[in-house]
Amino acid sequence: MTETVLVAVIAILSGLIGWMDWNNRKERKSLVNTIVARSSDELVNLELADKTKVEVNPPKTAEDLVPLGDISDDEFDEHVLGKE
């Protein structure tokens, strides 16, 4: 019985420490944004930038690229300009 209570207390304390750490990081980020911003508009932009996720597209491989000297003018017009 005492072992389960001890395990429960340890789990609750670990969760509390994790939550406090997460909350402190969030507050520190907000404090740094407030210190760095020179106006209220900048502060809004900094907080929006923190909330925005950036998607990175993988670079094209060498298989996707074709040297310009290897294609004809018609193929160039078809692929680049969209003409057929």
N, C-alpha and C. Protein backbone atom coordinates (compact mmCIF):
# COMPACT_ATOMS: atom_id res chain seq x y z
N MET A 1 0.81 -1.19 0.00
CA MET A 1 0.00 0.00 0.00
C MET A 1 0.86 1.26 0.00
N THR A 2 1.88 1.27 0.84
CA THR A 2 2.73 2.46 0.93
C THR A 2 3.56 2.65 -0.34
N GLU A 3 3.89 1.52 -1.01
CA GLU A 3 4.66 1.64 -2.24
C GLU A 3 3.84 2.31 -3.33
N THR A 4 2.55 1.99 -3.44
CA THR A 4 1.72 2.59 -4.48
C THR A 4 1.48 4.08 -4.21
N VAL A 5 1.34 4.42 -2.93
CA VAL A 5 1.18 5.83 -2.57
C VAL A 5 2.45 6.59 -2.90
N LEU A 6 3.60 5.99 -2.61
CA LEU A 6 4.89 6.62 -2.89
C LEU A 6 5.07 6.81 -4.40
N VAL A 7 4.70 5.81 -5.19
CA VAL A 7 4.82 5.91 -6.65
C VAL A 7 3.87 6.98 -7.17
N ALA A 8 2.67 7.05 -6.62
CA ALA A 8 1.71 8.07 -7.05
C ALA A 8 2.22 9.48 -6.72
N VAL A 9 2.78 9.64 -5.53
CA VAL A 9 3.32 10.95 -5.13
C VAL A 9 4.48 11.34 -6.03
N ILE A 10 5.36 10.40 -6.35
CA ILE A 10 6.49 10.68 -7.23
C ILE A 10 6.00 11.07 -8.62
N ALA A 11 4.98 10.36 -9.15
CA ALA A 11 4.45 10.66 -10.47
C ALA A 11 3.80 12.05 -10.49
N ILE A 12 3.07 12.37 -9.44
CA ILE A 12 2.42 13.69 -9.37
C ILE A 12 3.45 14.79 -9.28
N LEU A 13 4.48 14.60 -8.45
CA LEU A 13 5.53 15.61 -8.33
C LEU A 13 6.32 15.78 -9.63
N SER A 14 6.57 14.68 -10.33
CA SER A 14 7.27 14.77 -11.62
C SER A 14 6.44 15.54 -12.63
N GLY A 15 5.14 15.28 -12.65
CA GLY A 15 4.26 16.02 -13.54
C GLY A 15 4.22 17.49 -13.19
N LEU A 16 4.19 17.81 -11.91
CA LEU A 16 4.17 19.20 -11.46
C LEU A 16 5.46 19.92 -11.85
N ILE A 17 6.59 19.26 -11.68
CA ILE A 17 7.88 19.86 -12.06
C ILE A 17 7.93 20.09 -13.56
N GLY A 18 7.45 19.13 -14.35
CA GLY A 18 7.42 19.30 -15.81
C GLY A 18 6.53 20.44 -16.24
N TRP A 19 5.34 20.54 -15.61
CA TRP A 19 4.41 21.62 -15.94
C TRP A 19 5.00 22.98 -15.56
N MET A 20 5.66 23.07 -14.40
CA MET A 20 6.28 24.33 -13.97
C MET A 20 7.39 24.74 -14.93
N ASP A 21 8.19 23.78 -15.38
CA ASP A 21 9.28 24.08 -16.31
C ASP A 21 8.71 24.58 -17.64
N TRP A 22 7.67 23.93 -18.15
CA TRP A 22 7.05 24.34 -19.41
C TRP A 22 6.47 25.75 -19.28
N ASN A 23 5.80 26.01 -18.16
CA ASN A 23 5.19 27.32 -17.93
C ASN A 23 6.27 28.41 -17.80
N ASN A 24 7.39 28.11 -17.13
CA ASN A 24 8.48 29.08 -17.00
C ASN A 24 9.11 29.41 -18.35
N ARG A 25 9.26 28.40 -19.21
CA ARG A 25 9.82 28.66 -20.54
C ARG A 25 8.90 29.57 -21.34
N LYS A 26 7.60 29.34 -21.24
CA LYS A 26 6.63 30.17 -21.96
C LYS A 26 6.68 31.61 -21.45
N GLU A 27 6.79 31.80 -20.14
CA GLU A 27 6.86 33.14 -19.57
C GLU A 27 8.17 33.83 -19.94
N ARG A 28 9.28 33.09 -19.95
CA ARG A 28 10.57 33.68 -20.33
C ARG A 28 10.56 34.14 -21.78
N LYS A 29 9.95 33.34 -22.66
CA LYS A 29 9.87 33.72 -24.07
C LYS A 29 9.06 35.00 -24.22
N SER A 30 7.97 35.11 -23.48
CA SER A 30 7.15 36.31 -23.52
C SER A 30 7.93 37.51 -22.97
N LEU A 31 8.69 37.31 -21.90
CA LEU A 31 9.48 38.39 -21.32
C LEU A 31 10.56 38.87 -22.28
N VAL A 32 11.23 37.94 -22.95
CA VAL A 32 12.27 38.32 -23.91
C VAL A 32 11.65 39.10 -25.06
N ASN A 33 10.48 38.66 -25.56
CA ASN A 33 9.81 39.39 -26.63
C ASN A 33 9.44 40.80 -26.18
N THR A 34 9.01 40.93 -24.94
CA THR A 34 8.63 42.24 -24.43
C THR A 34 9.85 43.16 -24.31
N ILE A 35 10.97 42.63 -23.90
CA ILE A 35 12.18 43.43 -23.76
C ILE A 35 12.72 43.84 -25.13
N VAL A 36 12.68 42.93 -26.10
CA VAL A 36 13.24 43.20 -27.42
C VAL A 36 12.37 44.17 -28.21
N ALA A 37 11.06 44.09 -28.06
CA ALA A 37 10.14 44.92 -28.86
C ALA A 37 10.28 46.39 -28.50
N ARG A 38 10.26 47.23 -29.52
CA ARG A 38 10.36 48.67 -29.31
C ARG A 38 8.99 49.33 -29.27
N SER A 39 7.99 48.64 -29.81
CA SER A 39 6.64 49.19 -29.80
C SER A 39 5.65 48.05 -29.63
N SER A 40 4.41 48.40 -29.45
CA SER A 40 3.39 47.37 -29.27
C SER A 40 3.17 46.58 -30.56
N ASP A 41 3.36 47.24 -31.71
CA ASP A 41 3.22 46.53 -32.98
C ASP A 41 4.30 45.46 -33.14
N GLU A 42 5.51 45.78 -32.76
CA GLU A 42 6.60 44.80 -32.83
C GLU A 42 6.33 43.63 -31.89
N LEU A 43 5.78 43.92 -30.71
CA LEU A 43 5.48 42.85 -29.76
C LEU A 43 4.44 41.90 -30.33
N VAL A 44 3.42 42.45 -30.97
CA VAL A 44 2.41 41.60 -31.59
C VAL A 44 3.02 40.75 -32.70
N ASN A 45 3.90 41.35 -33.50
CA ASN A 45 4.55 40.61 -34.59
C ASN A 45 5.47 39.52 -34.05
N LEU A 46 6.20 39.79 -32.97
CA LEU A 46 7.08 38.77 -32.39
C LEU A 46 6.28 37.60 -31.83
N GLU A 47 5.18 37.89 -31.16
CA GLU A 47 4.37 36.82 -30.61
C GLU A 47 3.70 36.01 -31.72
N LEU A 48 3.30 36.67 -32.80
CA LEU A 48 2.74 35.96 -33.94
C LEU A 48 3.80 35.08 -34.61
N ALA A 49 5.03 35.57 -34.69
CA ALA A 49 6.11 34.78 -35.28
C ALA A 49 6.41 33.55 -34.44
N ASP A 50 6.28 33.65 -33.11
CA ASP A 50 6.51 32.49 -32.26
C ASP A 50 5.43 31.43 -32.46
N LYS A 51 4.22 31.85 -32.76
CA LYS A 51 3.10 30.91 -32.91
C LYS A 51 3.03 30.30 -34.31
N THR A 52 3.70 30.92 -35.29
CA THR A 52 3.63 30.47 -36.67
C THR A 52 4.60 29.32 -36.89
N LYS A 53 4.10 28.26 -37.52
CA LYS A 53 4.95 27.11 -37.83
C LYS A 53 5.52 27.30 -39.23
N VAL A 54 6.78 26.96 -39.39
CA VAL A 54 7.47 27.10 -40.67
C VAL A 54 7.64 25.71 -41.26
N GLU A 55 7.14 25.54 -42.48
CA GLU A 55 7.30 24.28 -43.18
C GLU A 55 8.47 24.41 -44.15
N VAL A 56 9.38 23.46 -44.06
CA VAL A 56 10.56 23.48 -44.91
C VAL A 56 10.41 22.40 -45.96
N ASN A 57 10.49 22.80 -47.22
CA ASN A 57 10.41 21.84 -48.31
C ASN A 57 11.80 21.26 -48.55
N PRO A 58 11.88 19.96 -48.78
CA PRO A 58 13.20 19.37 -49.04
C PRO A 58 13.76 19.88 -50.36
N PRO A 59 15.06 20.03 -50.43
CA PRO A 59 15.66 20.52 -51.68
C PRO A 59 15.51 19.48 -52.80
N LYS A 60 15.50 19.97 -54.02
CA LYS A 60 15.38 19.07 -55.16
C LYS A 60 16.66 18.25 -55.31
N THR A 61 16.48 17.03 -55.71
CA THR A 61 17.63 16.16 -55.92
C THR A 61 18.15 16.35 -57.34
N ALA A 62 19.30 15.81 -57.58
CA ALA A 62 19.92 15.94 -58.90
C ALA A 62 19.10 15.20 -59.96
N GLU A 63 18.30 14.21 -59.56
CA GLU A 63 17.48 13.47 -60.51
C GLU A 63 16.37 14.35 -61.08
N ASP A 64 15.88 15.32 -60.29
CA ASP A 64 14.79 16.19 -60.73
C ASP A 64 15.27 17.28 -61.68
N LEU A 65 16.54 17.58 -61.68
CA LEU A 65 17.08 18.70 -62.46
C LEU A 65 17.62 18.21 -63.80
N VAL A 66 17.37 18.98 -64.83
CA VAL A 66 17.86 18.65 -66.17
C VAL A 66 18.67 19.84 -66.66
N PRO A 67 19.90 19.62 -67.14
CA PRO A 67 20.69 20.74 -67.67
C PRO A 67 19.99 21.37 -68.88
N LEU A 68 20.09 22.68 -68.99
CA LEU A 68 19.43 23.40 -70.09
C LEU A 68 19.98 23.00 -71.45
N GLY A 69 21.22 22.58 -71.51
CA GLY A 69 21.79 22.19 -72.80
C GLY A 69 21.23 20.89 -73.32
N ASP A 70 20.60 20.09 -72.47
CA ASP A 70 20.08 18.78 -72.88
C ASP A 70 18.64 18.82 -73.38
N ILE A 71 17.97 19.94 -73.28
CA ILE A 71 16.57 19.99 -73.72
C ILE A 71 16.44 20.94 -74.91
N SER A 72 15.42 20.67 -75.71
CA SER A 72 15.19 21.50 -76.89
C SER A 72 14.39 22.74 -76.48
N ASP A 73 14.26 23.66 -77.43
CA ASP A 73 13.50 24.89 -77.18
C ASP A 73 12.03 24.58 -76.92
N ASP A 74 11.51 23.59 -77.63
CA ASP A 74 10.11 23.22 -77.45
C ASP A 74 9.87 22.65 -76.05
N GLU A 75 10.77 21.80 -75.59
CA GLU A 75 10.64 21.24 -74.24
C GLU A 75 10.78 22.33 -73.18
N PHE A 76 11.66 23.28 -73.42
CA PHE A 76 11.82 24.40 -72.49
C PHE A 76 10.52 25.20 -72.39
N ASP A 77 9.95 25.52 -73.55
CA ASP A 77 8.69 26.26 -73.57
C ASP A 77 7.59 25.47 -72.88
N GLU A 78 7.58 24.18 -73.07
CA GLU A 78 6.54 23.34 -72.48
C GLU A 78 6.64 23.30 -70.95
N HIS A 79 7.83 23.13 -70.42
CA HIS A 79 7.99 22.97 -68.98
C HIS A 79 8.05 24.31 -68.21
N VAL A 80 8.75 25.27 -68.76
CA VAL A 80 8.98 26.51 -68.01
C VAL A 80 7.87 27.52 -68.28
N LEU A 81 7.56 27.73 -69.54
CA LEU A 81 6.59 28.76 -69.89
C LEU A 81 5.16 28.24 -69.88
N GLY A 82 4.97 26.93 -69.88
CA GLY A 82 3.63 26.35 -69.87
C GLY A 82 2.98 26.32 -71.22
N LYS A 83 3.74 26.56 -72.27
CA LYS A 83 3.19 26.52 -73.63
C LYS A 83 3.34 25.12 -74.18
N GLU A 84 2.41 24.78 -75.05
CA GLU A 84 2.50 23.45 -75.68
C GLU A 84 2.78 23.55 -77.14
